[in-house]
């Protein structure tokens, strides 16, 4: 089974690493395959550079 996780990154520069790490640590136990889609929605911080 495959899972797609979609998340906006508005003002998320400081939490992006934590978000991806938490997803990557828990999802593989439930799904064979997964993807994380981070959507840039013109955040005023440096979220795009972080991506």
PDB file of N, CA and C in Angstrom:
ATOM      1  N   UNK A   1       0.834  -1.161   0.000  1.00  0.00           N
ATOM      2  CA  UNK A   1       0.000   0.000   0.000  1.00  0.00           C
ATOM      3  C   UNK A   1       0.893   1.244   0.000  1.00  0.00           C
ATOM      4  N   UNK A   2       0.501   2.272  -0.743  1.00  0.00           N
ATOM      5  CA  UNK A   2       1.277   3.510  -0.830  1.00  0.00           C
ATOM      6  C   UNK A   2       0.503   4.655  -0.185  1.00  0.00           C
ATOM      7  N   UNK A   3       1.240   5.524   0.457  1.00  0.00           N
ATOM      8  CA  UNK A   3       0.653   6.672   1.140  1.00  0.00           C
ATOM      9  C   UNK A   3       1.319   7.943   0.637  1.00  0.00           C
ATOM     10  N   UNK A   4       0.515   8.963   0.365  1.00  0.00           N
ATOM     11  CA  UNK A   4       1.035  10.284   0.026  1.00  0.00           C
ATOM     12  C   UNK A   4       0.637  11.245   1.127  1.00  0.00           C
ATOM     13  N   UNK A   5       1.603  11.956   1.660  1.00  0.00           N
ATOM     14  CA  UNK A   5       1.357  12.947   2.697  1.00  0.00           C
ATOM     15  C   UNK A   5       1.661  14.303   2.085  1.00  0.00           C
ATOM     16  N   UNK A   6       0.679  15.200   2.111  1.00  0.00           N
ATOM     17  CA  UNK A   6       0.833  16.529   1.537  1.00  0.00           C
ATOM     18  C   UNK A   6       0.730  17.539   2.667  1.00  0.00           C
ATOM     19  N   UNK A   7       1.704  18.455   2.710  1.00  0.00           N
ATOM     20  CA  UNK A   7       1.700  19.459   3.763  1.00  0.00           C
ATOM     21  C   UNK A   7       2.112  20.811   3.203  1.00  0.00           C
ATOM     22  N   UNK A   8       1.372  21.865   3.552  1.00  0.00           N
ATOM     23  CA  UNK A   8       1.827  23.208   3.179  1.00  0.00           C
ATOM     24  C   UNK A   8       2.999  23.607   4.063  1.00  0.00           C
ATOM     25  N   UNK A   9       3.802  24.517   3.583  1.00  0.00           N
ATOM     26  CA  UNK A   9       4.958  24.941   4.378  1.00  0.00           C
ATOM     27  C   UNK A   9       4.944  26.454   4.641  1.00  0.00           C
ATOM     28  N   UNK A  10       3.804  27.000   4.890  1.00  0.00           N
ATOM     29  CA  UNK A  10       3.702  28.421   5.183  1.00  0.00           C
ATOM     30  C   UNK A  10       4.259  28.704   6.571  1.00  0.00           C
ATOM     31  N   UNK A  11       5.303  29.511   6.619  1.00  0.00           N
ATOM     32  CA  UNK A  11       5.989  29.855   7.873  1.00  0.00           C
ATOM     33  C   UNK A  11       6.447  28.595   8.625  1.00  0.00           C
ATOM     34  N   UNK A  12       6.963  27.647   7.895  1.00  0.00           N
ATOM     35  CA  UNK A  12       7.359  26.371   8.494  1.00  0.00           C
ATOM     36  C   UNK A  12       8.863  26.141   8.469  1.00  0.00           C
ATOM     37  N   UNK A  13       9.632  27.160   8.172  1.00  0.00           N
ATOM     38  CA  UNK A  13      11.079  27.012   8.050  1.00  0.00           C
ATOM     39  C   UNK A  13      11.700  26.308   9.255  1.00  0.00           C
ATOM     40  N   UNK A  14      11.272  26.659  10.437  1.00  0.00           N
ATOM     41  CA  UNK A  14      11.888  26.126  11.655  1.00  0.00           C
ATOM     42  C   UNK A  14      11.415  24.721  12.025  1.00  0.00           C
ATOM     43  N   UNK A  15      10.344  24.243  11.412  1.00  0.00           N
ATOM     44  CA  UNK A  15       9.817  22.925  11.790  1.00  0.00           C
ATOM     45  C   UNK A  15       9.874  21.887  10.670  1.00  0.00           C
ATOM     46  N   UNK A  16      10.376  22.260   9.511  1.00  0.00           N
ATOM     47  CA  UNK A  16      10.396  21.319   8.386  1.00  0.00           C
ATOM     48  C   UNK A  16      11.217  20.073   8.671  1.00  0.00           C
ATOM     49  N   UNK A  17      12.396  20.231   9.235  1.00  0.00           N
ATOM     50  CA  UNK A  17      13.224  19.060   9.548  1.00  0.00           C
ATOM     51  C   UNK A  17      12.509  18.119  10.508  1.00  0.00           C
ATOM     52  N   UNK A  18      11.898  18.680  11.528  1.00  0.00           N
ATOM     53  CA  UNK A  18      11.174  17.870  12.519  1.00  0.00           C
ATOM     54  C   UNK A  18       9.982  17.158  11.884  1.00  0.00           C
ATOM     55  N   UNK A  19       9.248  17.857  11.027  1.00  0.00           N
ATOM     56  CA  UNK A  19       8.101  17.255  10.341  1.00  0.00           C
ATOM     57  C   UNK A  19       8.520  16.037   9.532  1.00  0.00           C
ATOM     58  N   UNK A  20       9.528  16.209   8.701  1.00  0.00           N
ATOM     59  CA  UNK A  20       9.989  15.111   7.847  1.00  0.00           C
ATOM     60  C   UNK A  20      10.546  13.961   8.691  1.00  0.00           C
ATOM     61  N   UNK A  21      11.273  14.285   9.729  1.00  0.00           N
ATOM     62  CA  UNK A  21      11.833  13.234  10.591  1.00  0.00           C
ATOM     63  C   UNK A  21      10.735  12.422  11.277  1.00  0.00           C
ATOM     64  N   UNK A  22       9.749  13.093  11.810  1.00  0.00           N
ATOM     65  CA  UNK A  22       8.664  12.373  12.490  1.00  0.00           C
ATOM     66  C   UNK A  22       7.875  11.494  11.531  1.00  0.00           C
ATOM     67  N   UNK A  23       7.582  12.020  10.363  1.00  0.00           N
ATOM     68  CA  UNK A  23       6.870  11.214   9.367  1.00  0.00           C
ATOM     69  C   UNK A  23       7.715  10.006   8.982  1.00  0.00           C
ATOM     70  N   UNK A  24       8.981  10.241   8.707  1.00  0.00           N
ATOM     71  CA  UNK A  24       9.873   9.157   8.277  1.00  0.00           C
ATOM     72  C   UNK A  24      10.082   8.099   9.352  1.00  0.00           C
ATOM     73  N   UNK A  25       9.929   8.473  10.603  1.00  0.00           N
ATOM     74  CA  UNK A  25      10.108   7.514  11.692  1.00  0.00           C
ATOM     75  C   UNK A  25       8.879   6.658  11.962  1.00  0.00           C
ATOM     76  N   UNK A  26       7.695   7.146  11.662  1.00  0.00           N
ATOM     77  CA  UNK A  26       6.512   6.364  12.033  1.00  0.00           C
ATOM     78  C   UNK A  26       5.779   5.724  10.855  1.00  0.00           C
ATOM     79  N   UNK A  27       5.798   6.313   9.693  1.00  0.00           N
ATOM     80  CA  UNK A  27       5.025   5.796   8.561  1.00  0.00           C
ATOM     81  C   UNK A  27       5.523   4.444   8.047  1.00  0.00           C
ATOM     82  N   UNK A  28       6.824   4.188   7.957  1.00  0.00           N
ATOM     83  CA  UNK A  28       7.271   2.904   7.387  1.00  0.00           C
ATOM     84  C   UNK A  28       6.739   1.665   8.113  1.00  0.00           C
ATOM     85  N   UNK A  29       6.287   1.807   9.338  1.00  0.00           N
ATOM     86  CA  UNK A  29       5.738   0.659  10.060  1.00  0.00           C
ATOM     87  C   UNK A  29       4.364   0.261   9.542  1.00  0.00           C
ATOM     88  N   UNK A  30       3.668   1.186   8.898  1.00  0.00           N
ATOM     89  CA  UNK A  30       2.309   0.920   8.445  1.00  0.00           C
ATOM     90  C   UNK A  30       2.186   0.803   6.926  1.00  0.00           C
ATOM     91  N   UNK A  31       3.141   1.346   6.183  1.00  0.00           N
ATOM     92  CA  UNK A  31       3.032   1.367   4.729  1.00  0.00           C
ATOM     93  C   UNK A  31       4.338   0.928   4.091  1.00  0.00           C
ATOM     94  N   UNK A  32       4.220   0.205   2.987  1.00  0.00           N
ATOM     95  CA  UNK A  32       5.401  -0.256   2.255  1.00  0.00           C
ATOM     96  C   UNK A  32       6.100   0.900   1.560  1.00  0.00           C
ATOM     97  N   UNK A  33       5.309   1.826   1.061  1.00  0.00           N
ATOM     98  CA  UNK A  33       5.843   2.918   0.262  1.00  0.00           C
ATOM     99  C   UNK A  33       5.111   4.205   0.630  1.00  0.00           C
ATOM    100  N   UNK A  34       5.856   5.289   0.683  1.00  0.00           N
ATOM    101  CA  UNK A  34       5.216   6.568   0.979  1.00  0.00           C
ATOM    102  C   UNK A  34       6.008   7.703   0.349  1.00  0.00           C
ATOM    103  N   UNK A  35       5.335   8.820   0.205  1.00  0.00           N
ATOM    104  CA  UNK A  35       5.989  10.022  -0.280  1.00  0.00           C
ATOM    105  C   UNK A  35       5.534  11.196   0.567  1.00  0.00           C
ATOM    106  N   UNK A  36       6.415  12.162   0.708  1.00  0.00           N
ATOM    107  CA  UNK A  36       6.094  13.387   1.436  1.00  0.00           C
ATOM    108  C   UNK A  36       6.139  14.523   0.419  1.00  0.00           C
ATOM    109  N   UNK A  37       5.018  15.193   0.250  1.00  0.00           N
ATOM    110  CA  UNK A  37       4.924  16.302  -0.691  1.00  0.00           C
ATOM    111  C   UNK A  37       4.777  17.581   0.122  1.00  0.00           C
ATOM    112  N   UNK A  38       5.774  18.446   0.017  1.00  0.00           N
ATOM    113  CA  UNK A  38       5.756  19.713   0.738  1.00  0.00           C
ATOM    114  C   UNK A  38       5.444  20.817  -0.269  1.00  0.00           C
ATOM    115  N   UNK A  39       4.390  21.560  -0.001  1.00  0.00           N
ATOM    116  CA  UNK A  39       3.888  22.552  -0.946  1.00  0.00           C
ATOM    117  C   UNK A  39       4.303  23.952  -0.518  1.00  0.00           C
ATOM    118  N   UNK A  40       5.057  24.622  -1.369  1.00  0.00           N
ATOM    119  CA  UNK A  40       5.443  26.005  -1.125  1.00  0.00           C
ATOM    120  C   UNK A  40       4.254  26.904  -1.439  1.00  0.00           C
ATOM    121  N   UNK A  41       3.779  27.629  -0.450  1.00  0.00           N
ATOM    122  CA  UNK A  41       2.645  28.525  -0.672  1.00  0.00           C
ATOM    123  C   UNK A  41       3.043  29.976  -0.407  1.00  0.00           C
ATOM    124  N   UNK A  42       4.208  30.339  -0.941  1.00  0.00           N
ATOM    125  CA  UNK A  42       4.720  31.714  -0.882  1.00  0.00           C
ATOM    126  C   UNK A  42       4.881  32.222   0.538  1.00  0.00           C
ATOM    127  N   UNK A  43       5.475  31.407   1.352  1.00  0.00           N
ATOM    128  CA  UNK A  43       5.738  31.768   2.739  1.00  0.00           C
ATOM    129  C   UNK A  43       6.714  32.944   2.798  1.00  0.00           C
ATOM    130  N   UNK A  44       6.498  33.882   3.719  1.00  0.00           N
ATOM    131  CA  UNK A  44       7.388  35.040   3.822  1.00  0.00           C
ATOM    132  C   UNK A  44       8.730  34.728   4.497  1.00  0.00           C
ATOM    133  N   UNK A  45       8.861  33.553   5.107  1.00  0.00           N
ATOM    134  CA  UNK A  45      10.147  33.188   5.726  1.00  0.00           C
ATOM    135  C   UNK A  45      10.997  32.441   4.708  1.00  0.00           C
ATOM    136  N   UNK A  46      12.012  31.732   5.137  1.00  0.00           N
ATOM    137  CA  UNK A  46      12.896  31.012   4.215  1.00  0.00           C
ATOM    138  C   UNK A  46      12.518  29.549   4.056  1.00  0.00           C
ATOM    139  N   UNK A  47      11.231  29.263   4.076  1.00  0.00           N
ATOM    140  CA  UNK A  47      10.771  27.880   3.900  1.00  0.00           C
ATOM    141  C   UNK A  47      11.196  27.312   2.551  1.00  0.00           C
ATOM    142  N   UNK A  48      11.107  28.094   1.495  1.00  0.00           N
ATOM    143  CA  UNK A  48      11.481  27.615   0.168  1.00  0.00           C
ATOM    144  C   UNK A  48      12.944  27.223   0.134  1.00  0.00           C
ATOM    145  N   UNK A  49      13.813  28.016   0.708  1.00  0.00           N
ATOM    146  CA  UNK A  49      15.236  27.689   0.736  1.00  0.00           C
ATOM    147  C   UNK A  49      15.478  26.419   1.552  1.00  0.00           C
ATOM    148  N   UNK A  50      14.720  26.231   2.600  1.00  0.00           N
ATOM    149  CA  UNK A  50      14.850  25.039   3.440  1.00  0.00           C
ATOM    150  C   UNK A  50      14.450  23.778   2.660  1.00  0.00           C
ATOM    151  N   UNK A  51      13.416  23.918   1.820  1.00  0.00           N
ATOM    152  CA  UNK A  51      12.994  22.779   1.010  1.00  0.00           C
ATOM    153  C   UNK A  51      14.108  22.373   0.074  1.00  0.00           C
TER     154      UNK A  51
END
